[in-house]
Amino acid sequence: HAHALLAVLAIALLQMVAPGTASVASIASVPVLSYQQLDTNSYYSVSTAQFAQQMDFLVAQGYQTISPDQYVAWLQGNGTTPGLPAKPILITFDDGTLNAGGATPILRARRLNAVMYVVTGYADNPGTWSMNWTQLAALQANGWHIQLHAGPLGHDPVVGGTCQYNYFYGCRKSNETLDEYKARVVRDIDAGIQALASHRLINGSDTFAIPWDYWGQMNGDADVTDWLPSLLVSRFKVVFQQAWGYQAGGYNRRYRFEIHSDTSQAAFEAGLADTRFSLEQPSSSASDGGLFGLSNSLTVLIVFGVFSSKFSLSLSL
């Protein structure tokens, strides 16, 4: 009876240590694409035909789009997240330009969706090229996910900036104390979050695409580069960046592949295999969970003593 009891306990321990590993496949990489405009007017644009060709390739290769919520769940689940397609991909657009809405019929015809990173200041004052709040709501109703790109001023150069690059979040003005700089940036980001919420446009996990891919990394101001990533971590579960500002590891940073007018089909296809899309495995520690706080990667030896008998079980996980 003692041995039968120990066998039952051993099975229970195996289930505790590696729950669901037999039924949930591990996904090692999720590509993230970044677009801006859908026209032929600039380097940051792609044509409708170019975009359609790229989407056709994704479908032919078996890719299926996911939401920001699912992307965050993939990261937090260490790649073993139930419900993800076998080949997930996240498609994103920045700024909320009117012509980006032309992607909707292309996406819907292929059963794909996308994320729009919104500059709330542009939605407040749309002019002739940016979507207003009503148009953004219609975009969401057509299957898009809405996330924050910048608040009222965060996508513009900072007035009075004297940095090499005067981008709002990454530049501290020469006459600005560190506390004043911090208050300005916090005010803009929080105003953006509140604006999306007030228009009921946040419909998933809080992710962020930093404007101009800029952390202040070229301005030589260590106070900025030390503080800004920490602020973004306190507000967002994922902070997307492109090649220019890419810094691996830490601070919830994840890479996006930015598509331009000169991105050939061959370059597009090759870019999907970029190793920067890979899941970065956390280092083993007691806080990682597992059996009695031990990492699941360990080999655990359990010795039971029941009456005069001993039972040994080696678990290689």
Protein backbone atom coordinates (compact mmCIF):
# COMPACT_ATOMS: atom_id res chain seq x y z
CA HIS A 1 0.00 0.00 0.00
CA ALA A 2 2.83 2.34 0.80
CA HIS A 3 4.35 1.91 -2.66
CA ALA A 4 0.97 2.46 -4.33
CA LEU A 5 0.53 5.68 -2.36
CA LEU A 6 3.99 6.85 -3.37
CA ALA A 7 3.25 6.16 -7.03
CA VAL A 8 0.15 8.34 -6.83
CA LEU A 9 2.17 11.10 -5.17
CA ALA A 10 4.83 10.85 -7.86
CA ILE A 11 2.27 11.31 -10.63
CA ALA A 12 0.83 14.33 -8.82
CA LEU A 13 4.31 15.83 -8.48
CA LEU A 14 4.98 15.39 -12.17
CA GLN A 15 1.76 17.25 -12.97
CA MET A 16 2.74 20.06 -10.59
CA VAL A 17 6.19 20.48 -12.08
CA ALA A 18 5.27 20.41 -15.77
CA PRO A 19 1.60 21.35 -16.10
CA GLY A 20 0.24 21.14 -19.63
CA THR A 21 3.57 20.61 -21.35
CA ALA A 22 2.19 17.64 -23.28
CA SER A 23 -0.70 19.61 -24.75
CA VAL A 24 0.69 23.14 -25.25
CA ALA A 25 3.37 23.58 -27.90
CA SER A 26 6.19 26.02 -27.24
CA ILE A 27 6.48 28.86 -29.77
CA ALA A 28 10.02 30.19 -29.94
CA SER A 29 9.48 33.29 -32.08
CA VAL A 30 6.71 35.74 -32.98
CA PRO A 31 7.51 38.23 -35.79
CA VAL A 32 6.26 41.80 -35.35
CA LEU A 33 5.87 44.00 -38.44
CA SER A 34 5.80 47.81 -38.39
CA TYR A 35 4.14 49.99 -41.04
CA GLN A 36 3.35 53.68 -41.18
CA GLN A 37 1.58 54.83 -44.34
CA LEU A 38 -0.15 53.06 -47.19
CA ASP A 39 0.69 55.19 -50.23
CA THR A 40 3.63 55.94 -52.53
CA ASN A 41 4.62 59.33 -51.13
CA SER A 42 7.60 58.64 -48.89
CA TYR A 43 10.30 56.27 -47.75
CA TYR A 44 8.10 55.33 -44.78
CA SER A 45 5.23 54.26 -47.03
CA VAL A 46 4.35 51.06 -48.79
CA SER A 47 2.02 50.85 -51.76
CA THR A 48 -1.28 49.01 -51.62
CA ALA A 49 0.06 46.43 -54.06
CA GLN A 50 3.24 45.94 -52.01
CA PHE A 51 1.25 45.50 -48.80
CA ALA A 52 -1.16 43.03 -50.43
CA GLN A 53 1.75 40.97 -51.77
CA GLN A 54 3.29 40.82 -48.32
CA MET A 55 0.01 39.78 -46.71
CA ASP A 56 -0.50 37.09 -49.39
CA PHE A 57 2.91 35.68 -48.53
CA LEU A 58 2.05 35.54 -44.82
CA VAL A 59 -1.17 33.67 -45.52
CA ALA A 60 0.56 31.26 -47.89
CA GLN A 61 3.16 30.51 -45.22
CA GLY A 62 0.49 29.75 -42.64
CA TYR A 63 0.88 32.86 -40.48
CA GLN A 64 -2.11 34.00 -38.41
CA THR A 65 -2.34 37.38 -36.71
CA ILE A 66 -2.65 37.77 -32.96
CA SER A 67 -3.64 40.63 -30.65
CA PRO A 68 -1.41 42.64 -28.29
CA ASP A 69 -3.05 40.70 -25.46
CA GLN A 70 -1.94 37.41 -26.98
CA TYR A 71 1.56 38.71 -27.64
CA VAL A 72 1.97 39.72 -24.00
CA ALA A 73 0.57 36.34 -22.90
CA TRP A 74 3.15 34.61 -25.12
CA LEU A 75 5.97 36.52 -23.43
CA GLN A 76 4.65 35.99 -19.94
CA GLY A 77 3.93 32.31 -20.64
CA ASN A 78 7.52 31.69 -21.80
CA GLY A 79 6.26 30.64 -25.21
CA THR A 80 3.77 28.03 -24.00
CA THR A 81 0.51 29.96 -24.22
CA PRO A 82 -2.71 28.06 -24.90
CA GLY A 83 -4.76 29.27 -27.84
CA LEU A 84 -1.99 30.74 -29.98
CA PRO A 85 -1.88 29.69 -33.65
CA ALA A 86 1.05 27.57 -34.77
CA LYS A 87 2.63 30.53 -36.63
CA PRO A 88 1.57 33.75 -34.90
CA ILE A 89 2.46 37.22 -36.14
CA LEU A 90 1.70 40.75 -34.95
CA ILE A 91 1.10 43.43 -37.63
CA THR A 92 1.34 47.04 -36.47
CA PHE A 93 0.90 50.54 -37.90
CA ASP A 94 2.01 53.83 -36.35
CA ASP A 95 0.53 57.33 -36.14
CA GLY A 96 -3.09 56.80 -37.20
CA THR A 97 -2.77 58.19 -40.71
CA LEU A 98 -5.90 58.25 -42.88
CA ASN A 99 -4.35 56.24 -45.70
CA ALA A 100 -3.46 53.40 -43.31
CA GLY A 101 -7.18 52.68 -43.18
CA GLY A 102 -6.76 51.37 -46.72
CA ALA A 103 -5.19 48.27 -45.19
CA THR A 104 -8.55 47.22 -43.72
CA PRO A 105 -10.04 45.53 -46.83
CA ILE A 106 -6.71 43.83 -47.58
CA LEU A 107 -6.51 42.47 -44.05
CA ARG A 108 -10.16 41.41 -43.82
CA ALA A 109 -10.07 39.59 -47.14
CA ARG A 110 -7.26 37.45 -45.75
CA ARG A 111 -8.71 37.07 -42.24
CA LEU A 112 -5.89 39.10 -40.72
CA ASN A 113 -5.94 41.97 -38.26
CA ALA A 114 -3.54 44.70 -37.17
CA VAL A 115 -2.70 47.10 -34.36
CA MET A 116 -2.77 50.89 -34.70
CA TYR A 117 -0.43 52.85 -32.44
CA VAL A 118 -2.16 56.19 -32.00
CA VAL A 119 -0.79 59.67 -31.38
CA THR A 120 -3.63 61.21 -29.37
CA GLY A 121 -2.54 64.73 -30.28
CA TYR A 122 -3.08 63.90 -33.95
CA ALA A 123 -6.56 62.54 -33.23
CA ASP A 124 -7.37 65.76 -31.35
CA ASN A 125 -6.19 67.88 -34.30
CA PRO A 126 -6.32 65.58 -37.34
CA GLY A 127 -5.84 68.04 -40.17
CA THR A 128 -5.95 66.41 -43.61
CA TRP A 129 -3.81 63.30 -43.08
CA SER A 130 -4.61 61.83 -39.65
CA MET A 131 -7.67 59.98 -38.36
CA ASN A 132 -9.92 61.70 -35.86
CA TRP A 133 -11.48 59.91 -32.88
CA THR A 134 -14.58 58.86 -34.81
CA GLN A 135 -12.46 57.32 -37.57
CA LEU A 136 -10.29 55.52 -35.03
CA ALA A 137 -13.42 54.08 -33.41
CA ALA A 138 -14.53 52.83 -36.84
CA LEU A 139 -11.10 51.28 -37.33
CA GLN A 140 -11.49 49.41 -34.06
CA ALA A 141 -14.97 48.25 -35.09
CA ASN A 142 -13.35 46.75 -38.22
CA GLY A 143 -11.13 44.47 -36.17
CA TRP A 144 -8.12 46.66 -35.42
CA HIS A 145 -6.53 46.86 -31.98
CA ILE A 146 -5.70 50.33 -30.66
CA GLN A 147 -2.62 51.10 -28.54
CA LEU A 148 -0.63 54.19 -27.59
CA HIS A 149 2.17 55.70 -29.66
CA ALA A 150 2.28 59.15 -28.03
CA GLY A 151 0.18 61.62 -26.11
CA PRO A 152 -0.75 65.21 -27.09
CA LEU A 153 2.82 66.34 -27.86
CA GLY A 154 4.97 63.22 -27.62
CA HIS A 155 5.46 62.66 -31.35
CA ASP A 156 6.64 66.22 -32.02
CA PRO A 157 10.03 67.88 -31.47
CA VAL A 158 10.24 69.42 -28.04
CA VAL A 159 9.96 73.21 -28.19
CA GLY A 160 13.24 74.77 -27.09
CA GLY A 161 15.19 71.55 -27.46
CA THR A 162 18.94 71.80 -28.01
CA CYS A 163 19.72 68.09 -28.32
CA GLN A 164 21.22 66.42 -31.38
CA TYR A 165 17.75 64.89 -31.83
CA ASN A 166 15.00 66.99 -30.28
CA TYR A 167 12.42 64.22 -29.91
CA PHE A 168 9.96 64.93 -27.13
CA TYR A 169 10.55 61.92 -24.88
CA GLY A 170 14.30 61.53 -25.35
CA CYS A 171 15.47 65.16 -25.13
CA ARG A 172 15.90 67.24 -21.98
CA LYS A 173 16.00 70.94 -22.78
CA SER A 174 19.07 72.90 -21.71
CA ASN A 175 17.01 75.08 -19.36
CA GLU A 176 15.03 72.17 -17.94
CA THR A 177 15.80 70.49 -14.62
CA LEU A 178 15.65 66.71 -14.44
CA ASP A 179 12.44 66.89 -12.39
CA GLU A 180 10.86 69.24 -14.95
CA TYR A 181 11.84 66.91 -17.78
CA LYS A 182 10.39 63.90 -15.97
CA ALA A 183 7.13 65.71 -15.21
CA ARG A 184 6.75 66.76 -18.87
CA VAL A 185 7.20 63.23 -20.19
CA VAL A 186 4.97 61.62 -17.55
CA ARG A 187 2.27 64.20 -18.22
CA ASP A 188 2.24 63.48 -21.95
CA ILE A 189 2.23 59.68 -21.68
CA ASP A 190 -0.44 59.63 -18.98
CA ALA A 191 -2.59 62.08 -20.95
CA GLY A 192 -2.33 59.74 -23.96
CA ILE A 193 -3.38 56.72 -21.92
CA GLN A 194 -6.32 58.65 -20.46
CA ALA A 195 -7.41 59.91 -23.89
CA LEU A 196 -7.56 56.39 -25.34
CA ALA A 197 -9.50 55.18 -22.31
CA SER A 198 -11.96 58.07 -22.45
CA HIS A 199 -12.70 57.27 -26.09
CA ARG A 200 -12.96 53.55 -25.23
CA LEU A 201 -10.21 52.65 -27.67
CA ILE A 202 -7.89 50.55 -25.50
CA ASN A 203 -9.02 46.98 -26.07
CA GLY A 204 -6.04 44.90 -25.00
CA SER A 205 -2.81 44.79 -23.06
CA ASP A 206 -0.91 48.03 -22.62
CA THR A 207 1.88 48.00 -25.19
CA PHE A 208 3.75 51.00 -26.51
CA ALA A 209 5.75 51.91 -29.62
CA ILE A 210 8.20 54.64 -28.72
CA PRO A 211 8.12 57.53 -31.24
CA TRP A 212 11.04 57.79 -33.63
CA ASP A 213 12.54 54.73 -31.95
CA TYR A 214 14.31 57.17 -29.65
CA TRP A 215 15.37 56.74 -26.03
CA GLY A 216 17.76 59.67 -25.97
CA GLN A 217 20.53 57.26 -26.94
CA MET A 218 22.35 59.83 -29.11
CA ASN A 219 22.11 62.84 -26.78
CA GLY A 220 24.66 61.82 -24.17
CA ASP A 221 22.31 62.54 -21.26
CA ALA A 222 22.66 59.58 -18.88
CA ASP A 223 19.90 60.93 -16.62
CA VAL A 224 17.45 60.54 -19.52
CA THR A 225 18.62 57.16 -20.74
CA ASP A 226 18.68 55.78 -17.18
CA TRP A 227 15.20 57.05 -16.28
CA LEU A 228 13.04 56.85 -19.43
CA PRO A 229 13.13 53.03 -19.85
CA SER A 230 12.12 52.62 -16.19
CA LEU A 231 9.15 54.95 -16.66
CA LEU A 232 7.94 53.01 -19.70
CA VAL A 233 8.21 49.71 -17.80
CA SER A 234 5.97 51.19 -15.11
CA ARG A 235 3.29 51.98 -17.71
CA PHE A 236 3.57 49.26 -20.38
CA LYS A 237 4.04 45.50 -20.55
CA VAL A 238 5.83 45.71 -23.90
CA VAL A 239 7.80 48.59 -25.44
CA PHE A 240 8.42 48.09 -29.16
CA GLN A 241 11.49 49.40 -30.93
CA GLN A 242 12.95 49.19 -34.41
CA ALA A 243 16.48 48.62 -35.68
CA TRP A 244 17.90 52.10 -35.04
CA GLY A 245 17.11 52.22 -31.35
CA TYR A 246 17.18 48.51 -30.68
CA GLN A 247 18.70 47.55 -27.34
CA ALA A 248 18.40 43.91 -26.42
CA GLY A 249 17.22 42.74 -23.06
CA GLY A 250 15.39 44.27 -20.17
CA TYR A 251 12.85 47.03 -19.77
CA ASN A 252 10.12 45.10 -21.64
CA ARG A 253 11.78 45.93 -24.96
CA ARG A 254 10.81 43.95 -28.04
CA TYR A 255 11.88 44.31 -31.66
CA ARG A 256 9.72 45.32 -34.66
CA PHE A 257 10.67 44.92 -38.32
CA GLU A 258 9.94 48.27 -39.98
CA ILE A 259 8.79 47.98 -43.60
CA HIS A 260 9.68 50.79 -46.02
CA SER A 261 9.01 51.61 -49.65
CA ASP A 262 12.35 50.05 -50.64
CA THR A 263 11.81 46.81 -48.70
CA SER A 264 11.93 44.16 -51.41
CA GLN A 265 9.81 41.04 -51.23
CA ALA A 266 12.98 39.01 -50.66
CA ALA A 267 14.01 41.31 -47.78
CA PHE A 268 10.51 41.08 -46.34
CA GLU A 269 10.59 37.28 -46.39
CA ALA A 270 14.08 37.14 -44.88
CA GLY A 271 13.14 39.64 -42.19
CA LEU A 272 10.52 37.30 -40.77
CA ALA A 273 13.32 35.01 -39.56
CA ASP A 274 15.17 37.73 -37.61
CA THR A 275 16.52 36.26 -34.37
CA ARG A 276 15.46 39.41 -32.50
CA PHE A 277 11.88 38.11 -32.62
CA SER A 278 12.88 35.12 -30.50
CA LEU A 279 11.66 34.62 -26.99
CA GLU A 280 14.40 35.48 -24.51
CA GLN A 281 14.41 32.75 -21.89
CA PRO A 282 14.69 34.03 -18.29
CA SER A 283 17.56 32.83 -16.17
CA SER A 284 16.78 30.11 -13.66
CA SER A 285 16.12 31.26 -10.12
CA ALA A 286 14.03 30.30 -7.14
CA SER A 287 11.49 32.91 -8.11
CA ASP A 288 10.86 31.19 -11.45
CA GLY A 289 8.47 28.79 -9.75
CA GLY A 290 8.52 25.06 -10.36
CA LEU A 291 8.60 22.41 -7.72
CA PHE A 292 9.06 23.98 -4.25
CA GLY A 293 10.50 27.09 -5.88
CA LEU A 294 13.05 25.18 -7.95
CA SER A 295 13.50 25.85 -11.62
CA ASN A 296 11.69 23.46 -13.95
CA SER A 297 14.97 22.92 -15.80
CA LEU A 298 16.53 21.16 -12.85
CA THR A 299 16.75 17.43 -12.28
CA VAL A 300 15.05 16.79 -8.96
CA LEU A 301 15.72 13.72 -6.81
CA ILE A 302 12.91 12.92 -4.40
CA VAL A 303 13.42 10.32 -1.69
CA PHE A 304 10.45 9.08 0.31
CA GLY A 305 10.79 7.12 3.55
CA VAL A 306 7.66 5.24 4.50
CA PHE A 307 7.89 2.82 7.40
CA SER A 308 10.97 0.69 6.64
CA SER A 309 10.73 1.15 2.85
CA LYS A 310 12.35 3.80 0.66
CA PHE A 311 11.17 5.01 -2.69
CA SER A 312 13.36 7.02 -5.07
CA LEU A 313 12.16 8.99 -8.09
CA SER A 314 14.34 10.96 -10.46
CA LEU A 315 12.58 13.67 -12.44
CA SER A 316 14.38 15.03 -15.48
CA LEU A 317 12.38 18.05 -16.67
